[in-house]
Amino acid sequence: MINLRQIGDGARGLAAVAMWIEAHRQLCEARFAALENVIGDLKQEENDGQPG
């Protein structure tokens, strides 16, 4: 959680918060993309093992 006293006030404080949010958004997107890849691989392995 961000402590507002740590970021200061004004535009610089808001810019710092925006940068922090963007960095964490990108991190979350990368993690979800990796998770989607793992799920896709597991589904493919499951389908490969079934008669069809």
C-alpha atoms as a PDB file:
ATOM      1  CA  MET A   1       0.000   0.000   0.000  1.00  0.00           C
ATOM      2  CA  ILE A   2       1.246   3.461  -0.817  1.00  0.00           C
ATOM      3  CA  ASN A   3       1.654   5.856   2.067  1.00  0.00           C
ATOM      4  CA  LEU A   4       0.630   9.299   0.812  1.00  0.00           C
ATOM      5  CA  ARG A   5       3.062  10.970   3.191  1.00  0.00           C
ATOM      6  CA  GLN A   6       5.917   9.212   1.394  1.00  0.00           C
ATOM      7  CA  ILE A   7       5.058  10.456  -2.100  1.00  0.00           C
ATOM      8  CA  GLY A   8       4.818  14.117  -1.262  1.00  0.00           C
ATOM      9  CA  ASP A   9       2.271  16.399  -2.802  1.00  0.00           C
ATOM     10  CA  GLY A  10       1.583  18.023  -6.122  1.00  0.00           C
ATOM     11  CA  ALA A  11       2.335  16.862  -9.626  1.00  0.00           C
ATOM     12  CA  ARG A  12       5.631  15.176  -8.731  1.00  0.00           C
ATOM     13  CA  GLY A  13       3.891  12.993  -6.170  1.00  0.00           C
ATOM     14  CA  LEU A  14       1.169  12.042  -8.629  1.00  0.00           C
ATOM     15  CA  ALA A  15       3.735  11.319 -11.336  1.00  0.00           C
ATOM     16  CA  ALA A  16       5.582   9.005  -8.957  1.00  0.00           C
ATOM     17  CA  VAL A  17       2.362   7.171  -8.150  1.00  0.00           C
ATOM     18  CA  ALA A  18       1.483   6.892 -11.847  1.00  0.00           C
ATOM     19  CA  MET A  19       4.915   5.422 -12.596  1.00  0.00           C
ATOM     20  CA  TRP A  20       4.563   2.915  -9.750  1.00  0.00           C
ATOM     21  CA  ILE A  21       1.100   1.876 -10.939  1.00  0.00           C
ATOM     22  CA  GLU A  22       2.297   1.470 -14.531  1.00  0.00           C
ATOM     23  CA  ALA A  23       5.274  -0.641 -13.490  1.00  0.00           C
ATOM     24  CA  HIS A  24       3.059  -2.942 -11.439  1.00  0.00           C
ATOM     25  CA  ARG A  25       0.451  -3.120 -14.215  1.00  0.00           C
ATOM     26  CA  GLN A  26       3.121  -4.291 -16.636  1.00  0.00           C
ATOM     27  CA  LEU A  27       4.388  -6.833 -14.110  1.00  0.00           C
ATOM     28  CA  CYS A  28       0.880  -8.218 -13.590  1.00  0.00           C
ATOM     29  CA  GLU A  29       0.262  -8.397 -17.341  1.00  0.00           C
ATOM     30  CA  ALA A  30       3.509 -10.330 -17.840  1.00  0.00           C
ATOM     31  CA  ARG A  31       2.593 -12.756 -15.061  1.00  0.00           C
ATOM     32  CA  PHE A  32      -0.889 -13.334 -16.491  1.00  0.00           C
ATOM     33  CA  ALA A  33       0.580 -13.903 -19.946  1.00  0.00           C
ATOM     34  CA  ALA A  34       2.979 -16.481 -18.509  1.00  0.00           C
ATOM     35  CA  LEU A  35       0.101 -18.146 -16.672  1.00  0.00           C
ATOM     36  CA  GLU A  36      -1.945 -18.278 -19.891  1.00  0.00           C
ATOM     37  CA  ASN A  37       0.994 -19.989 -21.590  1.00  0.00           C
ATOM     38  CA  VAL A  38       1.246 -22.597 -18.827  1.00  0.00           C
ATOM     39  CA  ILE A  39      -2.501 -23.254 -18.961  1.00  0.00           C
ATOM     40  CA  GLY A  40      -2.361 -23.545 -22.743  1.00  0.00           C
ATOM     41  CA  ASP A  41       0.514 -26.030 -22.489  1.00  0.00           C
ATOM     42  CA  LEU A  42      -1.356 -28.093 -19.907  1.00  0.00           C
ATOM     43  CA  LYS A  43      -4.485 -28.142 -22.058  1.00  0.00           C
ATOM     44  CA  GLN A  44      -2.429 -29.198 -25.081  1.00  0.00           C
ATOM     45  CA  GLU A  45      -0.797 -32.015 -23.084  1.00  0.00           C
ATOM     46  CA  GLU A  46      -4.224 -33.114 -21.881  1.00  0.00           C
ATOM     47  CA  ASN A  47      -5.608 -33.131 -25.423  1.00  0.00           C
ATOM     48  CA  ASP A  48      -2.571 -34.967 -26.788  1.00  0.00           C
ATOM     49  CA  GLY A  49      -3.110 -37.768 -24.305  1.00  0.00           C
ATOM     50  CA  GLN A  50      -6.782 -38.328 -25.176  1.00  0.00           C
ATOM     51  CA  PRO A  51      -7.944 -40.506 -28.034  1.00  0.00           C
ATOM     52  CA  GLY A  52      -9.497 -38.434 -30.698  1.00  0.00           C
END
